[in-house]
Amino acid sequence: MNRGLTYKGSGVDIEAGNRFARRISGLARATRRAGVIGGIGGFGGLFALPKAYKEPVLVAGTDGVGTKLKIAFATGRHDTVGIDLVAMCVNDILTLGAEPLFFLDYFATGRLDRETGAAIIKGIAAACRQAACALLGGETAEMPSFYPPGEYDLAGFAVGVVERKRIIDGRKIRPGHVLVGLPSSGLHSNGYSLARKVLFETAGLSVGDRVPGLRRPLGDILLAPTRIYVRSVLPLVRRDVIHGIAHITGGGITENLPRILPRGCGAVVDRSAWTPQPVFRLIEEKGGVSRQEMFRVFNMGIGMILAVPPRSATLVLKALERTGERPSVIGEVVRGRRGVRYAG
């Protein structure tokens, strides 16, 4: 007897989706923080603003992981890209001085693989705990024939809060301000289209290769998750000793640092002040990529830059070191056109 077509027959298994939701609900509960009302599973998440803020301003940010996902597909490792997803969003709202409050994710795939999905959500939950924000909800979309088998896409959404008088927008930056760089863990989540073309197409390498100068297989190096700077930087924001924060994402230092500089201010960055990880040199050499292009595409080993008044520089450096950071003074703000000039 022909029972007719079903949703499951067209490629979407509702029951499997429900089982997956139940499986990951505990991960979300583990990220609860003050302000969360109720649990996941409804049509929306509820969050009460912290009462400690006198004039709270909400700050929102959204991002994805980009073609770094291709490395996860090639290696079969999916436990780090969820960290990237959260990091890219919370680091962005941190630049305005915001305390991350909650995060939501969007996970879309052709056919849901519960093990892959669980690995991704575990990474998201771990990163939310690191950023002290709640995983308030999300969406898992099963879209047959839309994504190739074994592939998926991710998007994330973070909301934070900042006291209006403590919003960091760069307007206090002046010539003479010190630029403090915080190390990245590698490429973070930007520049992977160029990196993959150089390493896999031009150089003919594969994710399992052990390349001289790299301590781990190439795939592991490329999957190193984006660092989250919330716990080390937010306490300094509350002490009013940081006047500008640049998250070094796509566009590198060249494009991102000028975004926080006021009119009449430029930046001089000393490239000899730190040593980029070997993977950057590998890309530069294998692809014949110019140094100018490298600094315009990749973070080159610096994931975040703080603009600090000279009188506060020592305090900031010591405070960061106490949190386990390895900060470096990498330049200064100068009078001139908005932009970056490199020295060293």
Protein backbone atom coordinates (compact mmCIF):
# COMPACT_ATOMS: atom_id res chain seq x y z
CA MET A 1 0.00 0.00 0.00
CA ASN A 2 1.37 3.41 -1.00
CA ARG A 3 1.39 5.61 2.08
CA GLY A 4 2.58 8.67 0.15
CA LEU A 5 5.63 10.82 0.61
CA THR A 6 6.90 11.82 4.04
CA TYR A 7 9.27 14.48 5.30
CA LYS A 8 11.69 11.73 6.34
CA GLY A 9 11.49 10.25 2.87
CA SER A 10 12.54 13.61 1.42
CA GLY A 11 15.60 13.68 3.64
CA VAL A 12 14.52 15.42 6.85
CA ASP A 13 14.23 13.22 9.94
CA ILE A 14 12.22 15.13 12.55
CA GLU A 15 12.65 12.50 15.23
CA ALA A 16 16.41 12.43 14.72
CA GLY A 17 16.40 16.20 15.10
CA ASN A 18 14.43 15.97 18.31
CA ARG A 19 16.84 13.40 19.71
CA PHE A 20 19.74 15.67 18.80
CA ALA A 21 18.10 18.63 20.55
CA ARG A 22 17.62 16.58 23.72
CA ARG A 23 21.23 15.42 23.55
CA ILE A 24 22.68 18.92 23.41
CA SER A 25 20.29 20.56 25.89
CA GLY A 26 22.61 19.68 28.75
CA LEU A 27 25.47 21.52 27.03
CA ALA A 28 23.39 24.68 26.94
CA ARG A 29 22.37 24.30 30.60
CA ALA A 30 26.06 24.13 31.55
CA THR A 31 26.54 27.68 30.23
CA ARG A 32 23.78 29.26 32.36
CA ARG A 33 24.64 32.54 34.01
CA ALA A 34 22.77 35.19 35.94
CA GLY A 35 20.06 36.69 33.75
CA VAL A 36 18.91 33.54 31.96
CA ILE A 37 15.16 32.97 32.33
CA GLY A 38 13.77 29.55 31.52
CA GLY A 39 15.52 27.05 29.28
CA ILE A 40 15.99 26.23 25.63
CA GLY A 41 13.28 24.71 23.48
CA GLY A 42 10.91 27.63 23.13
CA PHE A 43 10.53 29.97 20.19
CA GLY A 44 12.88 32.47 21.79
CA GLY A 45 15.30 32.87 24.67
CA LEU A 46 14.71 35.13 27.66
CA PHE A 47 17.43 37.14 29.38
CA ALA A 48 17.14 39.85 32.04
CA LEU A 49 19.66 42.69 31.90
CA PRO A 50 22.10 42.80 34.84
CA LYS A 51 20.91 45.25 37.49
CA ALA A 52 24.44 46.51 38.13
CA TYR A 53 24.31 48.65 34.97
CA LYS A 54 22.91 52.14 35.51
CA GLU A 55 22.58 53.06 31.82
CA PRO A 56 22.99 49.78 29.91
CA VAL A 57 23.58 49.78 26.17
CA LEU A 58 23.19 46.51 24.27
CA VAL A 59 25.90 45.53 21.78
CA ALA A 60 25.23 42.85 19.16
CA GLY A 61 27.52 41.05 16.75
CA THR A 62 27.27 38.23 14.22
CA ASP A 63 29.81 36.19 12.29
CA GLY A 64 30.61 32.77 10.87
CA VAL A 65 33.64 30.53 10.51
CA GLY A 66 34.08 30.93 6.76
CA THR A 67 36.08 28.53 4.60
CA LYS A 68 37.98 27.29 7.63
CA LEU A 69 35.13 24.79 7.69
CA LYS A 70 36.73 23.16 4.63
CA ILE A 71 39.63 22.12 6.90
CA ALA A 72 37.18 20.54 9.35
CA PHE A 73 35.55 18.62 6.49
CA ALA A 74 38.94 17.42 5.22
CA THR A 75 40.21 16.29 8.63
CA GLY A 76 36.93 14.97 10.01
CA ARG A 77 37.53 17.08 13.13
CA HIS A 78 34.62 19.23 14.22
CA ASP A 79 35.46 19.99 17.86
CA THR A 80 37.13 23.37 17.30
CA VAL A 81 34.98 25.27 14.79
CA GLY A 82 32.30 25.92 17.40
CA ILE A 83 34.93 27.71 19.46
CA ASP A 84 35.79 29.82 16.42
CA LEU A 85 32.15 30.71 15.97
CA VAL A 86 31.77 32.09 19.47
CA ALA A 87 35.18 33.74 19.54
CA MET A 88 34.64 35.76 16.39
CA CYS A 89 31.40 37.19 17.79
CA VAL A 90 32.35 37.87 21.41
CA ASN A 91 35.72 39.38 20.46
CA ASP A 92 33.91 41.78 18.13
CA ILE A 93 31.52 43.09 20.77
CA LEU A 94 34.38 43.24 23.30
CA THR A 95 35.97 45.96 21.15
CA LEU A 96 33.18 48.30 22.28
CA GLY A 97 33.77 47.41 25.92
CA ALA A 98 30.81 45.04 26.11
CA GLU A 99 30.40 42.16 28.53
CA PRO A 100 29.03 39.20 26.53
CA LEU A 101 25.67 38.08 27.92
CA PHE A 102 24.35 35.40 25.61
CA PHE A 103 24.99 33.63 22.33
CA LEU A 104 22.84 31.90 19.72
CA ASP A 105 23.97 29.63 16.89
CA TYR A 106 22.66 28.58 13.49
CA PHE A 107 23.81 25.16 12.27
CA ALA A 108 22.69 24.12 8.78
CA THR A 109 23.51 20.84 7.05
CA GLY A 110 22.22 18.57 4.31
CA ARG A 111 21.69 15.57 6.57
CA LEU A 112 22.18 15.76 10.33
CA ASP A 113 25.01 13.63 11.66
CA ARG A 114 24.51 13.59 15.41
CA GLU A 115 28.16 12.95 16.25
CA THR A 116 29.34 15.83 14.08
CA GLY A 117 26.63 18.10 15.45
CA ALA A 118 27.41 17.18 19.04
CA ALA A 119 31.12 17.94 18.52
CA ILE A 120 30.25 21.37 17.11
CA ILE A 121 27.86 22.25 19.93
CA LYS A 122 30.36 21.04 22.54
CA GLY A 123 32.83 23.53 21.11
CA ILE A 124 30.24 26.29 21.17
CA ALA A 125 29.33 25.53 24.80
CA ALA A 126 32.98 25.38 25.88
CA ALA A 127 33.64 28.75 24.26
CA CYS A 128 30.55 30.28 25.88
CA ARG A 129 31.83 29.17 29.28
CA GLN A 130 35.21 30.71 28.47
CA ALA A 131 33.53 34.00 27.54
CA ALA A 132 31.16 33.76 30.56
CA CYS A 133 28.10 34.06 28.34
CA ALA A 134 25.05 31.81 28.10
CA LEU A 135 24.21 29.63 25.14
CA LEU A 136 20.65 30.89 25.06
CA GLY A 137 19.39 29.01 22.06
CA GLY A 138 19.97 28.18 18.42
CA GLU A 139 18.66 26.57 15.28
CA THR A 140 19.56 23.30 13.59
CA ALA A 141 18.41 23.19 9.97
CA GLU A 142 18.44 19.98 7.94
CA MET A 143 18.39 20.93 4.24
CA PRO A 144 18.70 17.92 1.90
CA SER A 145 20.32 18.58 -1.49
CA PHE A 146 21.31 22.10 -0.41
CA TYR A 147 24.65 21.13 1.14
CA PRO A 148 27.00 18.41 -0.19
CA PRO A 149 27.16 15.26 1.95
CA GLY A 150 29.27 15.78 5.05
CA GLU A 151 29.26 19.58 4.82
CA TYR A 152 27.51 22.26 6.85
CA ASP A 153 27.58 25.97 7.62
CA LEU A 154 27.61 27.89 10.89
CA ALA A 155 26.56 31.36 11.95
CA GLY A 156 26.66 32.91 15.40
CA PHE A 157 25.04 35.83 17.18
CA ALA A 158 26.31 37.42 20.40
CA VAL A 159 24.68 40.09 22.55
CA GLY A 160 26.48 41.98 25.28
CA VAL A 161 26.04 45.04 27.44
CA VAL A 162 28.17 48.07 28.25
CA GLU A 163 27.64 51.06 30.53
CA ARG A 164 26.99 54.00 28.24
CA LYS A 165 29.79 56.10 29.76
CA ARG A 166 32.25 53.22 29.25
CA ILE A 167 31.60 52.59 25.55
CA ILE A 168 34.95 52.27 23.81
CA ASP A 169 34.73 53.96 20.41
CA GLY A 170 38.26 55.30 19.92
CA ARG A 171 37.37 58.95 20.37
CA LYS A 172 39.79 59.29 23.32
CA ILE A 173 42.76 58.01 21.31
CA ARG A 174 45.50 60.62 20.82
CA PRO A 175 48.96 60.69 19.25
CA GLY A 176 51.35 59.03 21.69
CA HIS A 177 48.97 56.27 22.73
CA VAL A 178 50.72 52.92 23.04
CA LEU A 179 49.58 49.95 20.93
CA VAL A 180 49.57 46.69 22.88
CA GLY A 181 49.26 43.48 20.87
CA LEU A 182 47.82 40.22 22.17
CA PRO A 183 48.99 37.02 20.46
CA SER A 184 46.72 35.00 18.21
CA SER A 185 46.71 31.21 18.13
CA GLY A 186 47.35 31.20 14.40
CA LEU A 187 45.15 32.16 11.48
CA HIS A 188 42.05 32.33 13.70
CA SER A 189 39.11 32.32 11.23
CA ASN A 190 40.29 34.56 8.40
CA GLY A 191 42.27 34.26 5.21
CA TYR A 192 41.53 30.59 4.63
CA SER A 193 40.63 31.00 0.96
CA LEU A 194 44.18 32.22 0.28
CA ALA A 195 45.75 29.77 2.74
CA ARG A 196 44.01 26.77 1.16
CA LYS A 197 44.91 27.88 -2.36
CA VAL A 198 48.57 28.29 -1.43
CA LEU A 199 49.01 25.20 0.73
CA PHE A 200 46.79 22.66 -1.00
CA GLU A 201 46.64 23.80 -4.63
CA THR A 202 49.98 25.54 -5.21
CA ALA A 203 52.18 23.62 -2.76
CA GLY A 204 50.32 20.32 -3.10
CA LEU A 205 50.23 19.68 0.64
CA SER A 206 47.49 17.82 2.50
CA VAL A 207 45.97 18.19 5.97
CA GLY A 208 47.88 15.15 7.28
CA ASP A 209 51.31 16.35 6.19
CA ARG A 210 53.97 17.13 8.75
CA VAL A 211 55.80 20.15 7.42
CA PRO A 212 59.31 21.05 8.66
CA GLY A 213 59.01 23.87 11.18
CA LEU A 214 55.48 22.92 12.26
CA ARG A 215 55.11 20.84 15.40
CA ARG A 216 51.83 19.20 14.42
CA PRO A 217 50.16 18.00 11.21
CA LEU A 218 49.15 20.85 8.94
CA GLY A 219 45.44 20.24 9.49
CA ASP A 220 45.84 20.58 13.25
CA ILE A 221 47.75 23.85 12.82
CA LEU A 222 45.03 25.25 10.58
CA LEU A 223 42.26 24.16 12.96
CA ALA A 224 43.76 25.90 16.01
CA PRO A 225 40.70 27.72 17.42
CA THR A 226 40.38 31.47 17.58
CA ARG A 227 41.41 32.88 20.95
CA ILE A 228 38.82 34.51 23.19
CA TYR A 229 40.09 37.67 24.90
CA VAL A 230 37.13 38.47 27.14
CA ARG A 231 38.51 37.33 30.51
CA SER A 232 41.84 39.13 30.07
CA VAL A 233 40.60 42.39 28.54
CA LEU A 234 37.19 43.05 30.14
CA PRO A 235 38.58 43.79 33.64
CA LEU A 236 40.79 46.50 32.11
CA VAL A 237 37.82 47.95 30.27
CA ARG A 238 36.10 48.39 33.62
CA ARG A 239 39.15 50.27 34.92
CA ASP A 240 38.93 52.82 32.08
CA VAL A 241 42.54 52.30 31.01
CA ILE A 242 41.86 51.23 27.41
CA HIS A 243 40.77 53.81 24.83
CA GLY A 244 40.52 51.60 21.76
CA ILE A 245 40.31 47.90 20.89
CA ALA A 246 40.81 46.40 17.44
CA HIS A 247 39.91 42.78 16.74
CA ILE A 248 42.31 41.67 14.01
CA THR A 249 40.14 39.67 11.65
CA GLY A 250 39.81 39.63 7.85
CA GLY A 251 41.87 42.51 6.49
CA GLY A 252 44.62 42.00 9.05
CA ILE A 253 46.22 44.82 11.01
CA THR A 254 46.27 46.98 7.87
CA GLU A 255 42.49 47.19 7.56
CA ASN A 256 41.28 46.67 11.14
CA LEU A 257 43.47 48.97 13.24
CA PRO A 258 42.40 52.15 11.37
CA ARG A 259 38.76 51.37 12.22
CA ILE A 260 39.32 52.54 15.80
CA LEU A 261 41.47 55.61 15.05
CA PRO A 262 39.92 59.08 15.21
CA ARG A 263 40.45 61.68 12.50
CA GLY A 264 44.00 63.03 12.46
CA CYS A 265 45.53 59.88 13.91
CA GLY A 266 47.53 57.15 12.21
CA ALA A 267 49.48 54.20 13.57
CA VAL A 268 53.04 52.99 13.31
CA VAL A 269 53.41 49.24 13.89
CA ASP A 270 56.82 47.69 14.53
CA ARG A 271 56.81 44.28 12.86
CA SER A 272 60.00 43.30 14.72
CA ALA A 273 58.18 43.53 18.08
CA TRP A 274 56.78 39.99 17.78
CA THR A 275 57.34 36.78 15.84
CA PRO A 276 54.44 35.41 13.76
CA GLN A 277 53.78 31.68 13.98
CA PRO A 278 55.63 29.53 11.39
CA VAL A 279 52.43 28.83 9.43
CA PHE A 280 52.41 32.44 8.21
CA ARG A 281 55.95 32.13 6.87
CA LEU A 282 54.96 28.85 5.19
CA ILE A 283 52.08 30.55 3.35
CA GLU A 284 54.23 33.52 2.40
CA GLU A 285 57.03 31.37 0.99
CA LYS A 286 54.95 28.65 -0.71
CA GLY A 287 52.68 31.16 -2.37
CA GLY A 288 55.15 33.93 -3.07
CA VAL A 289 52.76 36.20 -1.22
CA SER A 290 54.10 39.71 -0.62
CA ARG A 291 54.64 40.91 2.92
CA GLN A 292 52.19 43.72 2.27
CA GLU A 293 49.51 41.24 1.22
CA MET A 294 50.21 38.99 4.21
CA PHE A 295 49.54 41.86 6.63
CA ARG A 296 46.44 42.85 4.68
CA VAL A 297 44.90 39.35 4.78
CA PHE A 298 46.07 37.60 7.96
CA ASN A 299 46.44 38.62 11.61
CA MET A 300 50.14 37.65 11.41
CA GLY A 301 50.21 36.49 15.03
CA ILE A 302 48.35 39.40 16.65
CA GLY A 303 44.69 38.74 17.42
CA MET A 304 43.78 41.94 19.24
CA ILE A 305 45.32 45.40 19.64
CA LEU A 306 44.66 47.74 22.56
CA ALA A 307 45.23 51.49 22.33
CA VAL A 308 46.39 52.63 25.77
CA PRO A 309 47.39 56.06 27.12
CA PRO A 310 51.14 56.10 27.92
CA ARG A 311 50.56 56.59 31.65
CA SER A 312 48.58 53.33 31.79
CA ALA A 313 50.82 51.16 29.61
CA THR A 314 52.78 49.50 32.42
CA LEU A 315 49.62 48.82 34.43
CA VAL A 316 47.93 47.25 31.39
CA LEU A 317 50.90 45.07 30.49
CA LYS A 318 51.28 43.72 34.03
CA ALA A 319 47.55 43.10 34.43
CA LEU A 320 47.45 41.18 31.15
CA GLU A 321 50.45 39.09 32.15
CA ARG A 322 48.71 38.12 35.38
CA THR A 323 45.87 36.63 33.33
CA GLY A 324 48.34 34.50 31.37
CA GLU A 325 48.53 36.75 28.32
CA ARG A 326 51.81 37.51 26.55
CA PRO A 327 51.30 41.13 25.53
CA SER A 328 53.79 43.15 23.49
CA VAL A 329 54.11 46.84 22.77
CA ILE A 330 53.92 46.76 18.99
CA GLY A 331 53.66 50.42 18.06
CA GLU A 332 52.13 53.78 18.76
CA VAL A 333 49.54 56.23 17.54
CA VAL A 334 50.95 59.17 15.60
CA ARG A 335 49.61 62.37 14.12
CA GLY A 336 48.61 62.02 10.49
CA ARG A 337 46.18 60.35 8.13
CA ARG A 338 44.15 57.41 9.41
CA GLY A 339 46.03 54.28 8.39
CA VAL A 340 48.91 51.97 9.32
CA ARG A 341 52.60 52.44 8.52
CA TYR A 342 54.91 49.50 9.21
CA ALA A 343 58.41 49.68 10.60
CA GLY A 344 60.89 46.91 11.32
